[in-house]
Amino acid sequence: MLFDAASSSSTSTRRHAPPKEPGRPIFGSLLREVAKGRVTTILCWRLDRLARNPVDGGAVIYELGRHNIAQMLTPEGTSEGTGDAKLIAWPQFGSRDER
């Protein structure tokens, strides 16, 4: 299933959270769909745009570890839902704070 952020019910109250602040409504909706098994593949521009702080990054890593995320697709490549994906993703998740 494709998670469509544009049709999410929280879109009308969408706000742009600072990178270090957890609590992005659409990201939370995505993680709930992943936890329910409705979303298994995440398509994003860059991994550092998916998880913009350590809390968000930890949530994605947790779902990867539970095998709820099969793959994450970016223009840079595909990360399969394996132990290697967690090792590769973690530094990218935190790199946004450094920019």
C-alpha atoms as a PDB file:
ATOM      1  CA  MET A   1       0.000   0.000   0.000  1.00  0.00           C
ATOM      2  CA  LEU A   2       1.181   3.499  -0.773  1.00  0.00           C
ATOM      3  CA  PHE A   3       0.952   5.987   2.079  1.00  0.00           C
ATOM      4  CA  ASP A   4      -0.286   9.225   0.580  1.00  0.00           C
ATOM      5  CA  ALA A   5       0.677  12.110   2.845  1.00  0.00           C
ATOM      6  CA  ALA A   6      -1.422  14.496   0.752  1.00  0.00           C
ATOM      7  CA  SER A   7      -4.628  12.661   1.655  1.00  0.00           C
ATOM      8  CA  SER A   8      -3.731  12.264   5.322  1.00  0.00           C
ATOM      9  CA  SER A   9      -6.322  13.760   7.649  1.00  0.00           C
ATOM     10  CA  SER A  10      -3.595  15.717   9.415  1.00  0.00           C
ATOM     11  CA  THR A  11      -2.633  17.592   6.241  1.00  0.00           C
ATOM     12  CA  SER A  12      -4.950  20.488   7.018  1.00  0.00           C
ATOM     13  CA  THR A  13      -3.149  21.061  10.336  1.00  0.00           C
ATOM     14  CA  ARG A  14       0.282  20.411   8.881  1.00  0.00           C
ATOM     15  CA  ARG A  15       3.118  22.321  10.400  1.00  0.00           C
ATOM     16  CA  HIS A  16       6.823  22.171   9.767  1.00  0.00           C
ATOM     17  CA  ALA A  17       8.537  21.026  12.926  1.00  0.00           C
ATOM     18  CA  PRO A  18      12.122  22.078  13.506  1.00  0.00           C
ATOM     19  CA  PRO A  19      14.562  19.234  12.783  1.00  0.00           C
ATOM     20  CA  LYS A  20      15.301  18.562  16.449  1.00  0.00           C
ATOM     21  CA  GLU A  21      11.633  18.544  17.483  1.00  0.00           C
ATOM     22  CA  PRO A  22       9.738  15.237  17.316  1.00  0.00           C
ATOM     23  CA  GLY A  23       6.036  15.210  16.621  1.00  0.00           C
ATOM     24  CA  ARG A  24       5.468  15.674  12.892  1.00  0.00           C
ATOM     25  CA  PRO A  25       1.814  14.609  12.382  1.00  0.00           C
ATOM     26  CA  ILE A  26       2.218  13.021   8.946  1.00  0.00           C
ATOM     27  CA  PHE A  27       5.350  11.148  10.002  1.00  0.00           C
ATOM     28  CA  GLY A  28       3.379   9.809  12.989  1.00  0.00           C
ATOM     29  CA  SER A  29       0.613   8.660  10.642  1.00  0.00           C
ATOM     30  CA  LEU A  30       3.181   6.892   8.474  1.00  0.00           C
ATOM     31  CA  LEU A  31       4.635   5.052  11.481  1.00  0.00           C
ATOM     32  CA  ARG A  32       1.167   3.961  12.637  1.00  0.00           C
ATOM     33  CA  GLU A  33       0.480   2.512   9.175  1.00  0.00           C
ATOM     34  CA  VAL A  34       3.857   0.733   9.246  1.00  0.00           C
ATOM     35  CA  ALA A  35       3.141  -0.717  12.705  1.00  0.00           C
ATOM     36  CA  LYS A  36      -0.230  -2.040  11.476  1.00  0.00           C
ATOM     37  CA  GLY A  37       1.471  -3.710   8.507  1.00  0.00           C
ATOM     38  CA  ARG A  38      -0.338  -1.544   5.964  1.00  0.00           C
ATOM     39  CA  VAL A  39       2.869   0.097   4.696  1.00  0.00           C
ATOM     40  CA  THR A  40       6.016  -1.968   4.117  1.00  0.00           C
ATOM     41  CA  THR A  41       7.965   0.226   1.694  1.00  0.00           C
ATOM     42  CA  ILE A  42       8.913   3.854   2.235  1.00  0.00           C
ATOM     43  CA  LEU A  43       9.716   6.088  -0.726  1.00  0.00           C
ATOM     44  CA  CYS A  44      11.496   9.299   0.211  1.00  0.00           C
ATOM     45  CA  TRP A  45      13.797  11.902  -1.258  1.00  0.00           C
ATOM     46  CA  ARG A  46      16.608  11.276   1.238  1.00  0.00           C
ATOM     47  CA  LEU A  47      16.788   9.328   4.468  1.00  0.00           C
ATOM     48  CA  ASP A  48      17.809  12.473   6.361  1.00  0.00           C
ATOM     49  CA  ARG A  49      14.483  14.016   5.287  1.00  0.00           C
ATOM     50  CA  LEU A  50      12.510  11.008   6.509  1.00  0.00           C
ATOM     51  CA  ALA A  51      13.855  10.978  10.058  1.00  0.00           C
ATOM     52  CA  ARG A  52      15.015  14.443  11.004  1.00  0.00           C
ATOM     53  CA  ASN A  53      15.888  13.824  14.660  1.00  0.00           C
ATOM     54  CA  PRO A  54      17.064  10.936  16.867  1.00  0.00           C
ATOM     55  CA  VAL A  55      13.534  10.112  18.073  1.00  0.00           C
ATOM     56  CA  ASP A  56      12.174   9.746  14.522  1.00  0.00           C
ATOM     57  CA  GLY A  57      15.292   7.828  13.471  1.00  0.00           C
ATOM     58  CA  GLY A  58      14.918   5.451  16.404  1.00  0.00           C
ATOM     59  CA  ALA A  59      11.283   4.792  15.489  1.00  0.00           C
ATOM     60  CA  VAL A  60      12.243   3.871  11.906  1.00  0.00           C
ATOM     61  CA  ILE A  61      15.131   1.688  13.128  1.00  0.00           C
ATOM     62  CA  TYR A  62      12.724  -0.023  15.539  1.00  0.00           C
ATOM     63  CA  GLU A  63      10.279  -0.830  12.731  1.00  0.00           C
ATOM     64  CA  LEU A  64      13.155  -2.074  10.559  1.00  0.00           C
ATOM     65  CA  GLY A  65      14.181  -4.357  13.410  1.00  0.00           C
ATOM     66  CA  ARG A  66      10.634  -5.701  13.705  1.00  0.00           C
ATOM     67  CA  HIS A  67      10.687  -6.344   9.924  1.00  0.00           C
ATOM     68  CA  ASN A  68       7.668  -4.066   9.434  1.00  0.00           C
ATOM     69  CA  ILE A  69       9.623  -2.029   6.875  1.00  0.00           C
ATOM     70  CA  ALA A  70      10.785  -4.211   3.982  1.00  0.00           C
ATOM     71  CA  GLN A  71      12.628  -1.453   2.137  1.00  0.00           C
ATOM     72  CA  MET A  72      13.285   2.254   1.934  1.00  0.00           C
ATOM     73  CA  LEU A  73      13.667   3.688  -1.570  1.00  0.00           C
ATOM     74  CA  THR A  74      15.574   6.878  -2.384  1.00  0.00           C
ATOM     75  CA  PRO A  75      17.163   8.204  -5.585  1.00  0.00           C
ATOM     76  CA  GLU A  76      20.481   7.183  -4.002  1.00  0.00           C
ATOM     77  CA  GLY A  77      19.425   3.541  -3.767  1.00  0.00           C
ATOM     78  CA  THR A  78      17.374   0.947  -1.941  1.00  0.00           C
ATOM     79  CA  SER A  79      17.845  -0.046   1.684  1.00  0.00           C
ATOM     80  CA  GLU A  80      16.383  -3.465   2.380  1.00  0.00           C
ATOM     81  CA  GLY A  81      14.912  -4.177   5.810  1.00  0.00           C
ATOM     82  CA  THR A  82      18.007  -5.963   7.122  1.00  0.00           C
ATOM     83  CA  GLY A  83      20.595  -5.370   9.815  1.00  0.00           C
ATOM     84  CA  ASP A  84      22.767  -3.645   7.222  1.00  0.00           C
ATOM     85  CA  ALA A  85      19.963  -1.188   6.465  1.00  0.00           C
ATOM     86  CA  LYS A  86      19.872  -0.158  10.129  1.00  0.00           C
ATOM     87  CA  LEU A  87      23.624   0.459  10.162  1.00  0.00           C
ATOM     88  CA  ILE A  88      23.473   2.469   6.950  1.00  0.00           C
ATOM     89  CA  ALA A  89      20.367   4.460   7.882  1.00  0.00           C
ATOM     90  CA  TRP A  90      21.299   5.548  11.402  1.00  0.00           C
ATOM     91  CA  PRO A  91      24.108   8.007  10.476  1.00  0.00           C
ATOM     92  CA  GLN A  92      21.972   9.444   7.660  1.00  0.00           C
ATOM     93  CA  PHE A  93      19.058  10.045  10.022  1.00  0.00           C
ATOM     94  CA  GLY A  94      21.219  12.170  12.293  1.00  0.00           C
ATOM     95  CA  SER A  95      23.065  14.032   9.548  1.00  0.00           C
ATOM     96  CA  ARG A  96      20.287  16.599   9.065  1.00  0.00           C
ATOM     97  CA  ASP A  97      21.015  18.199  12.441  1.00  0.00           C
ATOM     98  CA  GLU A  98      24.564  18.922  11.340  1.00  0.00           C
ATOM     99  CA  ARG A  99      23.594  21.038   8.314  1.00  0.00           C
END
